[in-house]
Amino acid sequence: TGVQDKVKCFSCGLTLDNWQPGDNAMEKHKQLYPSCSFVQRMLSVNNLGLSSRSAFSPSVANSLSPSLHSMALSPSLEQVGYISGSFSSFPQDPVTTRAVEDLPFLSPKLHNPSMRTEDARLRTFHSWPLTFLSPTDLAKAGLYYLGTADKVACFTCGGQLCNWEPKDNAVSEHRRHYPNCPFVENLVRDQQSFNVSNVSMQTHEARVK
């Protein structure tokens, strides 16, 4: 970046500084922002020769920092701020990759792990009051029913949505109000196009309770 010892990742935007003797750039990058697409590509390349039954050997998995197992991603990750003096800021647009979804120990902590399967989420909609929005569509969007009015929550980021209206799209609303959610990022990445629904409910205040 041209400022002291501060460097920035071209892919995820993570900024690191205050380097110490013996620091490993890739390890610091991986520990502080494991979902970076560049880090994930490097991990994939380094492990192409491993057994198809295991993404990483026990020795590699055991060498990972405990912070990888405990780091949690909130709906407003960019507002978390400093974890330590070893870096300056989180990227403003966190991204994740399909590789993260396939490697649970590298994934951000789930808000509600018991709802990680679509079937588990579907079972929460037994008393769902709306007829114009399908429980199947909501479950596919990573959402489960909270049992009150039409309020649902994401099992990954914990974001809540309510006040649904006809023609709303579950994935569209999830992405609009919680764009940093890793689950919805993966869904959107798989789509060719994205249709914005319900112009009258564009504001965060109107939709999120």
N, C-alpha and C. Protein backbone atom coordinates (compact mmCIF):
# COMPACT_ATOMS: atom_id res chain seq x y z
N THR A 1 0.82 -1.22 0.00
CA THR A 1 0.00 0.00 0.00
C THR A 1 0.85 1.27 0.00
N GLY A 2 2.15 1.11 0.29
CA GLY A 2 3.04 2.26 0.35
C GLY A 2 3.03 2.96 1.69
N VAL A 3 2.31 2.42 2.67
CA VAL A 3 2.24 3.02 4.00
C VAL A 3 2.90 2.08 5.01
N GLN A 4 4.05 2.47 5.53
CA GLN A 4 4.79 1.68 6.51
C GLN A 4 4.88 0.22 6.05
N ASP A 5 4.44 -0.74 6.92
CA ASP A 5 4.52 -2.16 6.53
C ASP A 5 3.13 -2.71 6.22
N LYS A 6 2.22 -1.84 5.82
CA LYS A 6 0.83 -2.25 5.57
C LYS A 6 0.68 -2.82 4.17
N VAL A 7 0.07 -4.01 4.09
CA VAL A 7 -0.20 -4.65 2.81
C VAL A 7 -1.68 -4.99 2.73
N LYS A 8 -2.18 -5.14 1.49
CA LYS A 8 -3.60 -5.41 1.28
C LYS A 8 -3.78 -6.52 0.27
N CYS A 9 -4.69 -7.44 0.54
CA CYS A 9 -4.97 -8.55 -0.38
C CYS A 9 -5.76 -8.04 -1.58
N PHE A 10 -5.31 -8.40 -2.78
CA PHE A 10 -6.00 -7.96 -4.00
C PHE A 10 -7.36 -8.61 -4.15
N SER A 11 -7.56 -9.77 -3.49
CA SER A 11 -8.79 -10.54 -3.68
C SER A 11 -9.88 -10.16 -2.68
N CYS A 12 -9.58 -10.24 -1.37
CA CYS A 12 -10.62 -10.00 -0.36
C CYS A 12 -10.53 -8.61 0.27
N GLY A 13 -9.41 -7.90 0.09
CA GLY A 13 -9.29 -6.56 0.63
C GLY A 13 -8.77 -6.48 2.06
N LEU A 14 -8.43 -7.63 2.68
CA LEU A 14 -7.92 -7.63 4.05
C LEU A 14 -6.61 -6.86 4.11
N THR A 15 -6.47 -5.99 5.11
CA THR A 15 -5.25 -5.20 5.30
C THR A 15 -4.49 -5.71 6.52
N LEU A 16 -3.20 -5.93 6.37
CA LEU A 16 -2.36 -6.44 7.45
C LEU A 16 -1.18 -5.51 7.67
N ASP A 17 -0.79 -5.34 8.94
CA ASP A 17 0.40 -4.55 9.25
C ASP A 17 1.00 -5.03 10.56
N ASN A 18 1.94 -4.26 11.10
CA ASN A 18 2.63 -4.62 12.35
C ASN A 18 3.26 -6.00 12.27
N TRP A 19 3.99 -6.26 11.20
CA TRP A 19 4.64 -7.55 11.01
C TRP A 19 5.78 -7.75 12.01
N GLN A 20 5.95 -8.99 12.46
CA GLN A 20 6.99 -9.35 13.41
C GLN A 20 7.92 -10.38 12.78
N PRO A 21 9.18 -10.45 13.25
CA PRO A 21 10.10 -11.47 12.73
C PRO A 21 9.50 -12.87 12.87
N GLY A 22 9.59 -13.65 11.82
CA GLY A 22 9.05 -15.01 11.84
C GLY A 22 7.62 -15.12 11.37
N ASP A 23 6.93 -13.98 11.13
CA ASP A 23 5.55 -14.03 10.63
C ASP A 23 5.50 -14.68 9.25
N ASN A 24 4.46 -15.45 9.02
CA ASN A 24 4.24 -16.09 7.72
C ASN A 24 3.02 -15.44 7.07
N ALA A 25 3.23 -14.81 5.92
CA ALA A 25 2.16 -14.04 5.28
C ALA A 25 0.92 -14.88 5.01
N MET A 26 1.11 -16.07 4.43
CA MET A 26 -0.05 -16.90 4.10
C MET A 26 -0.77 -17.38 5.36
N GLU A 27 -0.01 -17.73 6.40
CA GLU A 27 -0.63 -18.20 7.64
C GLU A 27 -1.46 -17.09 8.29
N LYS A 28 -0.92 -15.87 8.32
CA LYS A 28 -1.67 -14.75 8.91
C LYS A 28 -2.93 -14.48 8.10
N HIS A 29 -2.77 -14.49 6.79
CA HIS A 29 -3.92 -14.26 5.91
C HIS A 29 -4.99 -15.33 6.14
N LYS A 30 -4.55 -16.57 6.21
CA LYS A 30 -5.47 -17.70 6.38
C LYS A 30 -6.16 -17.65 7.74
N GLN A 31 -5.44 -17.27 8.78
CA GLN A 31 -6.01 -17.25 10.12
C GLN A 31 -7.02 -16.12 10.29
N LEU A 32 -6.71 -14.94 9.74
CA LEU A 32 -7.56 -13.77 9.95
C LEU A 32 -8.72 -13.69 8.96
N TYR A 33 -8.54 -14.27 7.76
CA TYR A 33 -9.65 -14.25 6.80
C TYR A 33 -9.63 -15.51 5.95
N PRO A 34 -9.99 -16.66 6.56
CA PRO A 34 -9.90 -17.95 5.87
C PRO A 34 -10.81 -18.09 4.67
N SER A 35 -11.86 -17.26 4.56
CA SER A 35 -12.78 -17.41 3.44
C SER A 35 -12.35 -16.63 2.20
N CYS A 36 -11.20 -15.98 2.23
CA CYS A 36 -10.67 -15.27 1.06
C CYS A 36 -10.55 -16.25 -0.11
N SER A 37 -11.05 -15.86 -1.29
CA SER A 37 -11.03 -16.76 -2.43
C SER A 37 -9.61 -17.11 -2.86
N PHE A 38 -8.66 -16.16 -2.73
CA PHE A 38 -7.28 -16.45 -3.08
C PHE A 38 -6.68 -17.49 -2.14
N VAL A 39 -6.94 -17.33 -0.84
CA VAL A 39 -6.44 -18.31 0.14
C VAL A 39 -7.02 -19.68 -0.15
N GLN A 40 -8.31 -19.73 -0.48
CA GLN A 40 -8.94 -21.01 -0.76
C GLN A 40 -8.35 -21.67 -2.01
N ARG A 41 -8.05 -20.85 -3.04
CA ARG A 41 -7.43 -21.41 -4.24
C ARG A 41 -6.06 -21.98 -3.92
N MET A 42 -5.30 -21.28 -3.09
CA MET A 42 -3.98 -21.77 -2.70
C MET A 42 -4.08 -23.08 -1.93
N LEU A 43 -5.06 -23.15 -1.01
CA LEU A 43 -5.27 -24.39 -0.25
C LEU A 43 -5.63 -25.53 -1.18
N SER A 44 -6.47 -25.25 -2.18
CA SER A 44 -6.89 -26.30 -3.11
C SER A 44 -5.71 -26.81 -3.92
N VAL A 45 -4.87 -25.88 -4.40
CA VAL A 45 -3.70 -26.27 -5.19
C VAL A 45 -2.74 -27.11 -4.37
N ASN A 46 -2.52 -26.71 -3.13
CA ASN A 46 -1.56 -27.41 -2.26
C ASN A 46 -2.03 -28.79 -1.87
N ASN A 47 -3.31 -29.06 -2.02
CA ASN A 47 -3.84 -30.34 -1.55
C ASN A 47 -4.44 -31.20 -2.65
N LEU A 48 -4.08 -30.90 -3.92
CA LEU A 48 -4.60 -31.69 -5.03
C LEU A 48 -4.17 -33.15 -4.95
N GLY A 49 -2.99 -33.39 -4.37
CA GLY A 49 -2.47 -34.75 -4.34
C GLY A 49 -2.96 -35.59 -3.19
N LEU A 50 -3.79 -35.04 -2.31
CA LEU A 50 -4.25 -35.79 -1.15
C LEU A 50 -5.37 -36.75 -1.51
N SER A 51 -5.64 -37.69 -0.65
CA SER A 51 -6.68 -38.70 -0.88
C SER A 51 -8.03 -38.07 -1.11
N SER A 52 -8.81 -38.66 -2.01
CA SER A 52 -10.15 -38.15 -2.29
C SER A 52 -11.08 -38.34 -1.11
N ARG A 53 -10.70 -39.15 -0.14
CA ARG A 53 -11.55 -39.37 1.03
C ARG A 53 -11.37 -38.30 2.09
N SER A 54 -10.30 -37.52 1.98
CA SER A 54 -10.04 -36.50 3.00
C SER A 54 -9.43 -35.28 2.34
N ALA A 55 -10.03 -34.12 2.58
CA ALA A 55 -9.52 -32.89 1.96
C ALA A 55 -8.14 -32.54 2.50
N PHE A 56 -7.88 -32.82 3.77
CA PHE A 56 -6.60 -32.55 4.39
C PHE A 56 -6.18 -33.75 5.23
N SER A 57 -4.89 -33.97 5.29
CA SER A 57 -4.40 -35.04 6.16
C SER A 57 -4.50 -34.57 7.60
N PRO A 58 -4.52 -35.49 8.58
CA PRO A 58 -4.61 -35.09 9.99
C PRO A 58 -3.52 -34.11 10.39
N SER A 59 -2.31 -34.29 9.85
CA SER A 59 -1.22 -33.42 10.26
C SER A 59 -1.46 -31.99 9.81
N VAL A 60 -2.04 -31.83 8.59
CA VAL A 60 -2.33 -30.49 8.11
C VAL A 60 -3.48 -29.87 8.89
N ALA A 61 -4.53 -30.66 9.11
CA ALA A 61 -5.69 -30.16 9.86
C ALA A 61 -5.30 -29.74 11.26
N ASN A 62 -4.43 -30.53 11.91
CA ASN A 62 -4.05 -30.22 13.28
C ASN A 62 -3.16 -29.00 13.38
N SER A 63 -2.51 -28.63 12.24
CA SER A 63 -1.62 -27.48 12.28
C SER A 63 -2.35 -26.16 12.14
N LEU A 64 -3.64 -26.22 11.81
CA LEU A 64 -4.41 -24.99 11.65
C LEU A 64 -4.61 -24.30 12.99
N SER A 65 -4.56 -22.98 12.95
CA SER A 65 -4.75 -22.21 14.18
C SER A 65 -6.14 -22.42 14.76
N PRO A 66 -6.25 -22.48 16.10
CA PRO A 66 -7.58 -22.62 16.73
C PRO A 66 -8.53 -21.51 16.31
N SER A 67 -7.97 -20.35 15.92
CA SER A 67 -8.86 -19.25 15.54
C SER A 67 -9.69 -19.58 14.32
N LEU A 68 -9.19 -20.51 13.48
CA LEU A 68 -9.96 -20.92 12.31
C LEU A 68 -11.22 -21.65 12.72
N HIS A 69 -11.16 -22.37 13.83
CA HIS A 69 -12.30 -23.16 14.27
C HIS A 69 -13.33 -22.31 15.01
N SER A 70 -12.90 -21.18 15.53
CA SER A 70 -13.80 -20.42 16.40
C SER A 70 -14.25 -19.09 15.81
N MET A 71 -13.64 -18.66 14.69
CA MET A 71 -14.01 -17.37 14.12
C MET A 71 -15.46 -17.38 13.68
N ALA A 72 -16.23 -16.38 14.12
CA ALA A 72 -17.66 -16.30 13.77
C ALA A 72 -17.89 -15.15 12.82
N LEU A 73 -18.79 -15.34 11.86
CA LEU A 73 -19.13 -14.30 10.91
C LEU A 73 -20.51 -13.76 11.24
N SER A 74 -20.60 -12.45 11.51
CA SER A 74 -21.89 -11.84 11.84
C SER A 74 -22.46 -11.18 10.60
N PRO A 75 -23.76 -10.79 10.63
CA PRO A 75 -24.33 -10.10 9.48
C PRO A 75 -23.63 -8.80 9.14
N SER A 76 -22.88 -8.20 10.10
CA SER A 76 -22.17 -6.96 9.84
C SER A 76 -20.70 -7.14 10.18
N LEU A 77 -20.03 -8.01 9.43
CA LEU A 77 -18.65 -8.35 9.72
C LEU A 77 -17.74 -7.14 9.67
N GLU A 78 -18.05 -6.20 8.73
CA GLU A 78 -17.16 -5.06 8.58
C GLU A 78 -17.19 -4.15 9.79
N GLN A 79 -18.19 -4.33 10.70
CA GLN A 79 -18.30 -3.47 11.88
C GLN A 79 -17.60 -4.07 13.10
N VAL A 80 -17.03 -5.25 12.95
CA VAL A 80 -16.41 -5.91 14.10
C VAL A 80 -15.20 -5.14 14.59
N GLY A 81 -14.38 -4.60 13.63
CA GLY A 81 -13.23 -3.81 14.02
C GLY A 81 -12.00 -4.65 14.27
N TYR A 82 -11.12 -4.16 15.13
CA TYR A 82 -9.85 -4.81 15.39
C TYR A 82 -10.01 -6.06 16.24
N ILE A 83 -9.30 -7.10 15.88
CA ILE A 83 -9.16 -8.27 16.74
C ILE A 83 -7.85 -8.14 17.52
N SER A 84 -6.81 -7.66 16.86
CA SER A 84 -5.52 -7.44 17.50
C SER A 84 -4.79 -6.38 16.71
N GLY A 85 -3.60 -6.04 17.16
CA GLY A 85 -2.81 -5.04 16.45
C GLY A 85 -2.15 -5.56 15.21
N SER A 86 -2.41 -6.82 14.85
CA SER A 86 -1.70 -7.42 13.74
C SER A 86 -2.33 -7.11 12.39
N PHE A 87 -3.48 -6.44 12.36
CA PHE A 87 -4.05 -6.04 11.08
C PHE A 87 -4.89 -4.79 11.27
N SER A 88 -5.22 -4.14 10.16
CA SER A 88 -5.90 -2.86 10.25
C SER A 88 -7.40 -2.94 10.08
N SER A 89 -7.87 -3.75 9.15
CA SER A 89 -9.31 -3.76 8.91
C SER A 89 -9.73 -5.00 8.17
N PHE A 90 -11.02 -5.36 8.32
CA PHE A 90 -11.61 -6.40 7.51
C PHE A 90 -11.93 -5.81 6.14
N PRO A 91 -12.02 -6.62 5.10
CA PRO A 91 -12.47 -6.13 3.81
C PRO A 91 -13.92 -5.68 3.91
N GLN A 92 -14.29 -4.73 3.07
CA GLN A 92 -15.66 -4.21 3.10
C GLN A 92 -16.66 -5.15 2.44
N ASP A 93 -16.18 -6.01 1.56
CA ASP A 93 -17.08 -6.93 0.87
C ASP A 93 -16.57 -8.36 1.03
N PRO A 94 -16.76 -8.96 2.21
CA PRO A 94 -16.28 -10.32 2.44
C PRO A 94 -16.90 -11.28 1.43
N VAL A 95 -16.10 -12.22 0.96
CA VAL A 95 -16.60 -13.24 0.05
C VAL A 95 -16.22 -14.60 0.56
N THR A 96 -16.90 -15.59 0.08
CA THR A 96 -16.54 -16.96 0.41
C THR A 96 -16.57 -17.75 -0.86
N THR A 97 -16.15 -18.99 -0.84
CA THR A 97 -16.12 -19.82 -2.03
C THR A 97 -16.75 -21.15 -1.73
N ARG A 98 -17.04 -21.90 -2.81
CA ARG A 98 -17.62 -23.22 -2.64
C ARG A 98 -16.68 -24.10 -1.82
N ALA A 99 -15.37 -23.85 -1.92
CA ALA A 99 -14.42 -24.67 -1.17
C ALA A 99 -14.65 -24.55 0.33
N VAL A 100 -15.00 -23.36 0.80
CA VAL A 100 -15.25 -23.16 2.23
C VAL A 100 -16.45 -23.98 2.68
N GLU A 101 -17.48 -24.02 1.84
CA GLU A 101 -18.67 -24.79 2.19
C GLU A 101 -18.33 -26.28 2.31
N ASP A 102 -17.39 -26.73 1.48
CA ASP A 102 -17.05 -28.15 1.46
C ASP A 102 -16.08 -28.54 2.56
N LEU A 103 -15.43 -27.56 3.20
CA LEU A 103 -14.46 -27.84 4.25
C LEU A 103 -14.95 -27.20 5.54
N PRO A 104 -15.77 -27.89 6.33
CA PRO A 104 -16.41 -27.30 7.51
C PRO A 104 -15.46 -26.64 8.48
N PHE A 105 -14.23 -27.19 8.65
CA PHE A 105 -13.35 -26.62 9.67
C PHE A 105 -12.75 -25.30 9.22
N LEU A 106 -12.93 -24.93 7.94
CA LEU A 106 -12.49 -23.63 7.46
C LEU A 106 -13.64 -22.64 7.39
N SER A 107 -14.88 -23.12 7.59
CA SER A 107 -16.05 -22.27 7.44
C SER A 107 -16.26 -21.38 8.66
N PRO A 108 -16.85 -20.19 8.46
CA PRO A 108 -17.23 -19.37 9.61
C PRO A 108 -18.23 -20.13 10.47
N LYS A 109 -18.28 -19.81 11.74
CA LYS A 109 -19.20 -20.49 12.66
C LYS A 109 -20.64 -20.23 12.25
N LEU A 110 -21.45 -21.29 12.24
CA LEU A 110 -22.85 -21.17 11.87
C LEU A 110 -23.65 -20.60 13.04
N HIS A 111 -24.61 -19.74 12.74
CA HIS A 111 -25.45 -19.16 13.78
C HIS A 111 -26.31 -20.23 14.45
N ASN A 112 -26.84 -21.16 13.65
CA ASN A 112 -27.68 -22.24 14.18
C ASN A 112 -27.37 -23.54 13.44
N PRO A 113 -26.35 -24.27 13.88
CA PRO A 113 -25.93 -25.50 13.20
C PRO A 113 -27.03 -26.54 13.07
N SER A 114 -28.00 -26.54 13.98
CA SER A 114 -29.06 -27.55 13.92
C SER A 114 -29.96 -27.35 12.70
N MET A 115 -29.87 -26.18 12.06
CA MET A 115 -30.68 -25.88 10.88
C MET A 115 -29.87 -25.93 9.59
N ARG A 116 -28.73 -26.60 9.62
CA ARG A 116 -27.85 -26.58 8.47
C ARG A 116 -28.40 -27.38 7.29
N THR A 117 -29.32 -28.32 7.51
CA THR A 117 -29.88 -29.08 6.39
C THR A 117 -31.22 -28.48 5.96
N GLU A 118 -31.50 -28.58 4.67
CA GLU A 118 -32.75 -28.04 4.15
C GLU A 118 -33.95 -28.73 4.78
N ASP A 119 -33.84 -30.03 5.03
CA ASP A 119 -34.94 -30.78 5.63
C ASP A 119 -35.26 -30.27 7.03
N ALA A 120 -34.22 -29.99 7.82
CA ALA A 120 -34.43 -29.47 9.18
C ALA A 120 -35.14 -28.12 9.13
N ARG A 121 -34.76 -27.29 8.18
CA ARG A 121 -35.39 -25.97 8.06
C ARG A 121 -36.85 -26.11 7.63
N LEU A 122 -37.11 -27.02 6.70
CA LEU A 122 -38.49 -27.23 6.23
C LEU A 122 -39.42 -27.63 7.37
N ARG A 123 -38.93 -28.43 8.29
CA ARG A 123 -39.77 -28.93 9.39
C ARG A 123 -40.23 -27.81 10.32
N THR A 124 -39.56 -26.66 10.28
CA THR A 124 -39.96 -25.55 11.16
C THR A 124 -41.19 -24.81 10.63
N PHE A 125 -41.58 -25.07 9.39
CA PHE A 125 -42.66 -24.30 8.75
C PHE A 125 -44.03 -24.94 8.89
N HIS A 126 -44.22 -25.83 9.86
CA HIS A 126 -45.50 -26.53 9.99
C HIS A 126 -46.66 -25.58 10.25
N SER A 127 -46.39 -24.42 10.86
CA SER A 127 -47.47 -23.45 11.12
C SER A 127 -47.26 -22.14 10.35
N TRP A 128 -46.53 -22.23 9.24
CA TRP A 128 -46.24 -21.04 8.42
C TRP A 128 -47.55 -20.42 7.91
N PRO A 129 -47.79 -19.12 8.14
CA PRO A 129 -49.10 -18.51 7.86
C PRO A 129 -49.31 -18.04 6.42
N LEU A 130 -48.25 -17.88 5.65
CA LEU A 130 -48.40 -17.29 4.31
C LEU A 130 -48.57 -18.36 3.24
N THR A 131 -49.41 -18.05 2.25
CA THR A 131 -49.63 -18.99 1.14
C THR A 131 -48.89 -18.57 -0.12
N PHE A 132 -48.49 -17.30 -0.20
CA PHE A 132 -47.84 -16.82 -1.43
C PHE A 132 -46.33 -17.03 -1.43
N LEU A 133 -45.77 -17.44 -0.30
CA LEU A 133 -44.33 -17.69 -0.23
C LEU A 133 -44.10 -19.10 0.28
N SER A 134 -43.49 -19.92 -0.55
CA SER A 134 -43.33 -21.33 -0.26
C SER A 134 -42.27 -21.61 0.81
N PRO A 135 -42.59 -22.46 1.79
CA PRO A 135 -41.58 -22.89 2.77
C PRO A 135 -40.37 -23.52 2.08
N THR A 136 -40.61 -24.21 0.97
CA THR A 136 -39.50 -24.82 0.23
C THR A 136 -38.53 -23.77 -0.27
N ASP A 137 -39.06 -22.67 -0.83
CA ASP A 137 -38.20 -21.60 -1.33
C ASP A 137 -37.43 -20.94 -0.19
N LEU A 138 -38.09 -20.76 0.94
CA LEU A 138 -37.43 -20.15 2.10
C LEU A 138 -36.33 -21.05 2.63
N ALA A 139 -36.61 -22.34 2.73
CA ALA A 139 -35.61 -23.29 3.23
C ALA A 139 -34.41 -23.36 2.30
N LYS A 140 -34.67 -23.33 0.98
CA LYS A 140 -33.57 -23.36 0.01
C LYS A 140 -32.71 -22.11 0.11
N ALA A 141 -33.30 -21.02 0.59
CA ALA A 141 -32.57 -19.77 0.76
C ALA A 141 -31.83 -19.72 2.09
N GLY A 142 -31.81 -20.84 2.83
CA GLY A 142 -31.10 -20.91 4.10
C GLY A 142 -31.90 -20.41 5.29
N LEU A 143 -33.20 -20.23 5.10
CA LEU A 143 -34.04 -19.63 6.15
C LEU A 143 -34.92 -20.67 6.84
N TYR A 144 -35.16 -20.46 8.13
CA TYR A 144 -36.07 -21.32 8.88
C TYR A 144 -37.05 -20.44 9.66
N TYR A 145 -38.21 -20.99 9.97
CA TYR A 145 -39.29 -20.23 10.61
C TYR A 145 -39.07 -20.13 12.11
N LEU A 146 -39.27 -18.91 12.65
CA LEU A 146 -39.08 -18.66 14.08
C LEU A 146 -40.37 -18.87 14.87
N GLY A 147 -41.47 -19.15 14.18
CA GLY A 147 -42.72 -19.46 14.86
C GLY A 147 -43.57 -18.26 15.24
N THR A 148 -43.13 -17.05 14.86
CA THR A 148 -43.87 -15.83 15.18
C THR A 148 -44.18 -15.05 13.91
N ALA A 149 -45.47 -14.76 13.69
CA ALA A 149 -45.89 -14.01 12.48
C ALA A 149 -45.26 -14.65 11.25
N ASP A 150 -44.55 -13.85 10.43
CA ASP A 150 -43.90 -14.41 9.24
C ASP A 150 -42.38 -14.22 9.33
N LYS A 151 -41.86 -14.27 10.56
CA LYS A 151 -40.44 -14.01 10.79
C LYS A 151 -39.60 -15.27 10.58
N VAL A 152 -38.53 -15.13 9.79
CA VAL A 152 -37.61 -16.23 9.53
C VAL A 152 -36.19 -15.77 9.82
N ALA A 153 -35.28 -16.73 9.96
CA ALA A 153 -33.88 -16.41 10.23
C ALA A 153 -32.98 -17.31 9.40
N CYS A 154 -31.77 -16.83 9.13
CA CYS A 154 -30.78 -17.62 8.39
C CYS A 154 -29.95 -18.45 9.36
N PHE A 155 -29.77 -19.73 9.03
CA PHE A 155 -29.00 -20.60 9.92
C PHE A 155 -27.51 -20.27 9.90
N THR A 156 -27.03 -19.57 8.87
CA THR A 156 -25.61 -19.25 8.77
C THR A 156 -25.28 -17.91 9.41
N CYS A 157 -25.90 -16.83 8.92
CA CYS A 157 -25.54 -15.49 9.41
C CYS A 157 -26.41 -15.02 10.57
N GLY A 158 -27.57 -15.67 10.77
CA GLY A 158 -28.45 -15.27 11.86
C GLY A 158 -29.37 -14.11 11.53
N GLY A 159 -29.26 -13.56 10.32
CA GLY A 159 -30.11 -12.44 9.92
C GLY A 159 -31.58 -12.82 9.89
N GLN A 160 -32.45 -11.91 10.32
CA GLN A 160 -33.89 -12.17 10.38
C GLN A 160 -34.64 -11.30 9.38
N LEU A 161 -35.69 -11.88 8.78
CA LEU A 161 -36.52 -11.18 7.81
C LEU A 161 -37.99 -11.39 8.14
N CYS A 162 -38.81 -10.40 7.87
CA CYS A 162 -40.25 -10.53 8.10
C CYS A 162 -40.99 -9.55 7.19
N ASN A 163 -42.30 -9.41 7.41
CA ASN A 163 -43.13 -8.51 6.60
C ASN A 163 -43.06 -8.85 5.12
N TRP A 164 -43.15 -10.13 4.81
CA TRP A 164 -43.10 -10.58 3.42
C TRP A 164 -44.34 -10.13 2.66
N GLU A 165 -44.17 -9.87 1.35
CA GLU A 165 -45.26 -9.46 0.49
C GLU A 165 -45.28 -10.32 -0.78
N PRO A 166 -46.44 -10.37 -1.47
CA PRO A 166 -46.53 -11.15 -2.70
C PRO A 166 -45.42 -10.74 -3.69
N LYS A 167 -44.92 -11.72 -4.42
CA LYS A 167 -43.86 -11.56 -5.42
C LYS A 167 -42.48 -11.39 -4.80
N ASP A 168 -42.37 -11.42 -3.48
CA ASP A 168 -41.05 -11.41 -2.85
C ASP A 168 -40.31 -12.68 -3.23
N ASN A 169 -39.00 -12.57 -3.34
CA ASN A 169 -38.14 -13.72 -3.61
C ASN A 169 -37.24 -13.93 -2.41
N ALA A 170 -37.25 -15.13 -1.85
CA ALA A 170 -36.52 -15.39 -0.60
C ALA A 170 -35.03 -15.12 -0.74
N VAL A 171 -34.42 -15.61 -1.82
CA VAL A 171 -32.98 -15.40 -2.02
C VAL A 171 -32.67 -13.92 -2.22
N SER A 172 -33.52 -13.24 -3.00
CA SER A 172 -33.30 -11.81 -3.27
C SER A 172 -33.31 -10.98 -2.00
N GLU A 173 -34.31 -11.24 -1.14
CA GLU A 173 -34.41 -10.47 0.10
C GLU A 173 -33.27 -10.81 1.06
N HIS A 174 -32.91 -12.08 1.11
CA HIS A 174 -31.80 -12.51 1.96
C HIS A 174 -30.53 -11.79 1.54
N ARG A 175 -30.27 -11.77 0.26
CA ARG A 175 -29.05 -11.15 -0.25
C ARG A 175 -29.04 -9.64 -0.05
N ARG A 176 -30.20 -8.99 -0.27
CA ARG A 176 -30.26 -7.53 -0.16
C ARG A 176 -29.94 -7.05 1.25
N HIS A 177 -30.50 -7.74 2.24
CA HIS A 177 -30.36 -7.26 3.61
C HIS A 177 -29.16 -7.85 4.34
N TYR A 178 -28.66 -8.99 3.86
CA TYR A 178 -27.48 -9.61 4.49
C TYR A 178 -26.51 -10.05 3.40
N PRO A 179 -25.95 -9.09 2.64
CA PRO A 179 -25.09 -9.41 1.49
C PRO A 179 -23.81 -10.14 1.85
N ASN A 180 -23.38 -10.07 3.11
CA ASN A 180 -22.14 -10.74 3.51
C ASN A 180 -22.34 -12.17 3.97
N CYS A 181 -23.57 -12.66 3.96
CA CYS A 181 -23.84 -14.03 4.40
C CYS A 181 -23.19 -15.02 3.45
N PRO A 182 -22.32 -15.91 3.94
CA PRO A 182 -21.64 -16.87 3.06
C PRO A 182 -22.61 -17.80 2.33
N PHE A 183 -23.71 -18.18 2.99
CA PHE A 183 -24.64 -19.12 2.37
C PHE A 183 -25.31 -18.48 1.16
N VAL A 184 -25.81 -17.27 1.32
CA VAL A 184 -26.51 -16.62 0.21
C VAL A 184 -25.52 -16.21 -0.88
N GLU A 185 -24.28 -15.90 -0.51
CA GLU A 185 -23.26 -15.60 -1.51
C GLU A 185 -23.06 -16.79 -2.44
N ASN A 186 -23.02 -17.99 -1.86
CA ASN A 186 -22.85 -19.19 -2.68
C ASN A 186 -24.06 -19.41 -3.58
N LEU A 187 -25.25 -19.18 -3.06
CA LEU A 187 -26.46 -19.35 -3.88
C LEU A 187 -26.44 -18.40 -5.07
N VAL A 188 -26.15 -17.14 -4.80
CA VAL A 188 -26.18 -16.13 -5.85
C VAL A 188 -25.09 -16.39 -6.88
N ARG A 189 -23.94 -16.86 -6.41
CA ARG A 189 -22.83 -17.15 -7.32
C ARG A 189 -23.21 -18.21 -8.33
N ASP A 190 -24.14 -19.09 -7.96
CA ASP A 190 -24.57 -20.16 -8.85
C ASP A 190 -25.65 -19.72 -9.84
N GLN A 191 -26.15 -18.52 -9.69
CA GLN A 191 -27.22 -18.05 -10.56
C GLN A 191 -26.68 -17.18 -11.68
N GLN A 192 -27.30 -17.25 -12.84
CA GLN A 192 -26.90 -16.43 -13.98
C GLN A 192 -27.38 -14.99 -13.82
N SER A 193 -28.53 -14.82 -13.23
CA SER A 193 -29.09 -13.48 -13.07
C SER A 193 -29.78 -13.37 -11.72
N PHE A 194 -30.04 -12.15 -11.33
CA PHE A 194 -30.63 -11.90 -10.01
C PHE A 194 -31.76 -10.89 -10.18
N ASN A 195 -32.98 -11.28 -9.85
CA ASN A 195 -34.14 -10.40 -10.01
C ASN A 195 -34.48 -9.73 -8.69
N VAL A 196 -34.41 -8.41 -8.68
CA VAL A 196 -34.75 -7.66 -7.48
C VAL A 196 -36.26 -7.56 -7.37
N SER A 197 -36.81 -7.96 -6.21
CA SER A 197 -38.26 -7.95 -6.04
C SER A 197 -38.70 -6.93 -5.00
N ASN A 198 -39.96 -6.56 -5.10
CA ASN A 198 -40.61 -5.72 -4.10
C ASN A 198 -39.90 -4.39 -3.87
N VAL A 199 -40.01 -3.50 -4.84
CA VAL A 199 -39.34 -2.20 -4.77
C VAL A 199 -39.77 -1.41 -3.54
N SER A 200 -41.00 -1.60 -3.09
CA SER A 200 -41.50 -0.83 -1.95
C SER A 200 -40.83 -1.21 -0.64
N MET A 201 -40.14 -2.37 -0.62
CA MET A 201 -39.50 -2.82 0.61
C MET A 201 -37.99 -2.79 0.50
N GLN A 202 -37.44 -1.83 -0.27
CA GLN A 202 -36.00 -1.76 -0.50
C GLN A 202 -35.23 -1.40 0.76
N THR A 203 -35.82 -0.58 1.63
CA THR A 203 -35.07 -0.09 2.78
C THR A 203 -34.89 -1.16 3.84
N HIS A 204 -33.75 -1.11 4.48
CA HIS A 204 -33.41 -2.06 5.54
C HIS A 204 -34.39 -1.94 6.69
N GLU A 205 -34.78 -0.70 7.01
CA GLU A 205 -35.64 -0.47 8.16
C GLU A 205 -37.03 -1.08 7.95
N ALA A 206 -37.51 -1.07 6.72
CA ALA A 206 -38.86 -1.57 6.46
C ALA A 206 -38.94 -3.08 6.52
N ARG A 207 -37.84 -3.76 6.19
CA ARG A 207 -37.88 -5.21 6.09
C ARG A 207 -37.35 -5.92 7.34
N VAL A 208 -36.31 -5.39 7.96
CA VAL A 208 -35.64 -6.10 9.05
C VAL A 208 -36.19 -5.64 10.39
N LYS A 209 -36.59 -6.61 11.20
CA LYS A 209 -37.12 -6.30 12.54
C LYS A 209 -36.22 -6.91 13.60
